[in-house]
Amino acid sequence: MTAEQYLAARLRQALAEDPRTTELGVRVTVRGDHVLLSGDVASPERRAELEAVIHDVAPELTVLDDVKVVPSDAPVGREEIR
């Protein structure tokens, strides 16, 4: 494993274990002094917390945020299955 892979694993672990995020579904890729976050979250607040955790663990990295907010509202109406 390279140093970037170890750092990415450490950042993924931080996102999973930090009570602000407890996030398992976000991908973390480290390239030099940049970290790319990608995936889906349920709210803009959760997205901001992801960046905050990364900044707390590795403040020297520049975060490139490609995380999309996908609302998880309750379905409207009935779904018909045929």
C-alpha atoms as a PDB file:
ATOM      1  CA  MET A   1       0.000   0.000   0.000  1.00  0.00           C
ATOM      2  CA  THR A   2       1.150   3.524  -0.734  1.00  0.00           C
ATOM      3  CA  ALA A   3       1.145   6.424   1.738  1.00  0.00           C
ATOM      4  CA  GLU A   4      -1.865   7.919  -0.096  1.00  0.00           C
ATOM      5  CA  GLN A   5      -3.803   4.669   0.291  1.00  0.00           C
ATOM      6  CA  TYR A   6      -3.045   4.530   4.019  1.00  0.00           C
ATOM      7  CA  LEU A   7      -4.160   8.134   4.435  1.00  0.00           C
ATOM      8  CA  ALA A   8      -7.373   7.477   2.470  1.00  0.00           C
ATOM      9  CA  ALA A   9      -8.086   4.476   4.707  1.00  0.00           C
ATOM     10  CA  ARG A  10      -7.495   6.588   7.825  1.00  0.00           C
ATOM     11  CA  LEU A  11      -9.865   9.275   6.501  1.00  0.00           C
ATOM     12  CA  ARG A  12     -12.554   6.683   5.637  1.00  0.00           C
ATOM     13  CA  GLN A  13     -12.241   5.306   9.169  1.00  0.00           C
ATOM     14  CA  ALA A  14     -12.577   8.805  10.629  1.00  0.00           C
ATOM     15  CA  LEU A  15     -15.759   9.418   8.597  1.00  0.00           C
ATOM     16  CA  ALA A  16     -17.184   6.089   9.771  1.00  0.00           C
ATOM     17  CA  GLU A  17     -16.326   6.554  13.462  1.00  0.00           C
ATOM     18  CA  ASP A  18     -16.927  10.269  14.003  1.00  0.00           C
ATOM     19  CA  PRO A  19     -20.353  10.818  15.628  1.00  0.00           C
ATOM     20  CA  ARG A  20     -20.974  13.823  13.370  1.00  0.00           C
ATOM     21  CA  THR A  21     -20.927  11.654  10.260  1.00  0.00           C
ATOM     22  CA  THR A  22     -20.941   7.872  10.916  1.00  0.00           C
ATOM     23  CA  GLU A  23     -20.678   7.643   7.143  1.00  0.00           C
ATOM     24  CA  LEU A  24     -19.755   4.436   5.315  1.00  0.00           C
ATOM     25  CA  GLY A  25     -20.933   5.247   1.805  1.00  0.00           C
ATOM     26  CA  VAL A  26     -18.621   8.105   0.852  1.00  0.00           C
ATOM     27  CA  ARG A  27     -15.573   7.329  -1.275  1.00  0.00           C
ATOM     28  CA  VAL A  28     -12.270   8.924  -0.297  1.00  0.00           C
ATOM     29  CA  THR A  29      -9.397   9.288  -2.763  1.00  0.00           C
ATOM     30  CA  VAL A  30      -6.108  10.986  -1.895  1.00  0.00           C
ATOM     31  CA  ARG A  31      -3.861  12.440  -4.610  1.00  0.00           C
ATOM     32  CA  GLY A  32      -0.905  14.424  -3.343  1.00  0.00           C
ATOM     33  CA  ASP A  33      -2.244  17.152  -1.074  1.00  0.00           C
ATOM     34  CA  HIS A  34      -5.851  16.800  -2.295  1.00  0.00           C
ATOM     35  CA  VAL A  35      -8.614  14.528  -1.059  1.00  0.00           C
ATOM     36  CA  LEU A  36     -11.648  13.823  -3.251  1.00  0.00           C
ATOM     37  CA  LEU A  37     -14.910  12.946  -1.527  1.00  0.00           C
ATOM     38  CA  SER A  38     -17.632  11.393  -3.664  1.00  0.00           C
ATOM     39  CA  GLY A  39     -20.946   9.679  -3.066  1.00  0.00           C
ATOM     40  CA  ASP A  40     -24.426  10.571  -1.836  1.00  0.00           C
ATOM     41  CA  VAL A  41     -25.686  11.969   1.470  1.00  0.00           C
ATOM     42  CA  ALA A  42     -29.159  12.889   2.720  1.00  0.00           C
ATOM     43  CA  SER A  43     -28.611  16.559   3.609  1.00  0.00           C
ATOM     44  CA  PRO A  44     -26.412  19.608   3.026  1.00  0.00           C
ATOM     45  CA  GLU A  45     -25.552  19.538   6.747  1.00  0.00           C
ATOM     46  CA  ARG A  46     -24.170  16.006   6.449  1.00  0.00           C
ATOM     47  CA  ARG A  47     -22.105  17.076   3.451  1.00  0.00           C
ATOM     48  CA  ALA A  48     -20.601  19.972   5.431  1.00  0.00           C
ATOM     49  CA  GLU A  49     -19.837  17.654   8.361  1.00  0.00           C
ATOM     50  CA  LEU A  50     -17.864  15.353   6.038  1.00  0.00           C
ATOM     51  CA  GLU A  51     -15.567  18.235   5.122  1.00  0.00           C
ATOM     52  CA  ALA A  52     -15.266  19.275   8.779  1.00  0.00           C
ATOM     53  CA  VAL A  53     -14.128  15.797   9.814  1.00  0.00           C
ATOM     54  CA  ILE A  54     -11.551  15.680   7.011  1.00  0.00           C
ATOM     55  CA  HIS A  55     -10.229  19.112   8.023  1.00  0.00           C
ATOM     56  CA  ASP A  56      -9.984  17.980  11.661  1.00  0.00           C
ATOM     57  CA  VAL A  57      -8.030  14.816  10.778  1.00  0.00           C
ATOM     58  CA  ALA A  58      -5.873  16.189   7.941  1.00  0.00           C
ATOM     59  CA  PRO A  59      -5.919  20.014   7.913  1.00  0.00           C
ATOM     60  CA  GLU A  60      -3.074  20.121   5.396  1.00  0.00           C
ATOM     61  CA  LEU A  61      -5.236  18.577   2.654  1.00  0.00           C
ATOM     62  CA  THR A  62      -7.399  20.476   0.186  1.00  0.00           C
ATOM     63  CA  VAL A  63     -10.877  18.910   0.010  1.00  0.00           C
ATOM     64  CA  LEU A  64     -12.476  18.451  -3.400  1.00  0.00           C
ATOM     65  CA  ASP A  65     -16.125  17.751  -2.655  1.00  0.00           C
ATOM     66  CA  ASP A  66     -18.085  15.788  -5.247  1.00  0.00           C
ATOM     67  CA  VAL A  67     -20.675  14.562  -2.725  1.00  0.00           C
ATOM     68  CA  LYS A  68     -24.254  14.904  -3.934  1.00  0.00           C
ATOM     69  CA  VAL A  69     -27.223  15.638  -1.688  1.00  0.00           C
ATOM     70  CA  VAL A  70     -30.005  13.164  -2.373  1.00  0.00           C
ATOM     71  CA  PRO A  71     -33.039  13.872  -0.192  1.00  0.00           C
ATOM     72  CA  SER A  72     -34.548  10.839   1.471  1.00  0.00           C
ATOM     73  CA  ASP A  73     -38.082  12.145   1.837  1.00  0.00           C
ATOM     74  CA  ALA A  74     -40.965   9.775   2.278  1.00  0.00           C
ATOM     75  CA  PRO A  75     -42.618   8.696  -0.972  1.00  0.00           C
ATOM     76  CA  VAL A  76     -45.640  10.662  -2.127  1.00  0.00           C
ATOM     77  CA  GLY A  77     -48.696   8.683  -3.172  1.00  0.00           C
ATOM     78  CA  ARG A  78     -49.013   4.982  -3.788  1.00  0.00           C
ATOM     79  CA  GLU A  79     -46.698   2.815  -5.799  1.00  0.00           C
ATOM     80  CA  GLU A  80     -48.420   0.237  -7.953  1.00  0.00           C
ATOM     81  CA  ILE A  81     -46.627  -3.039  -8.523  1.00  0.00           C
ATOM     82  CA  ARG A  82     -47.848  -5.065 -11.462  1.00  0.00           C
END
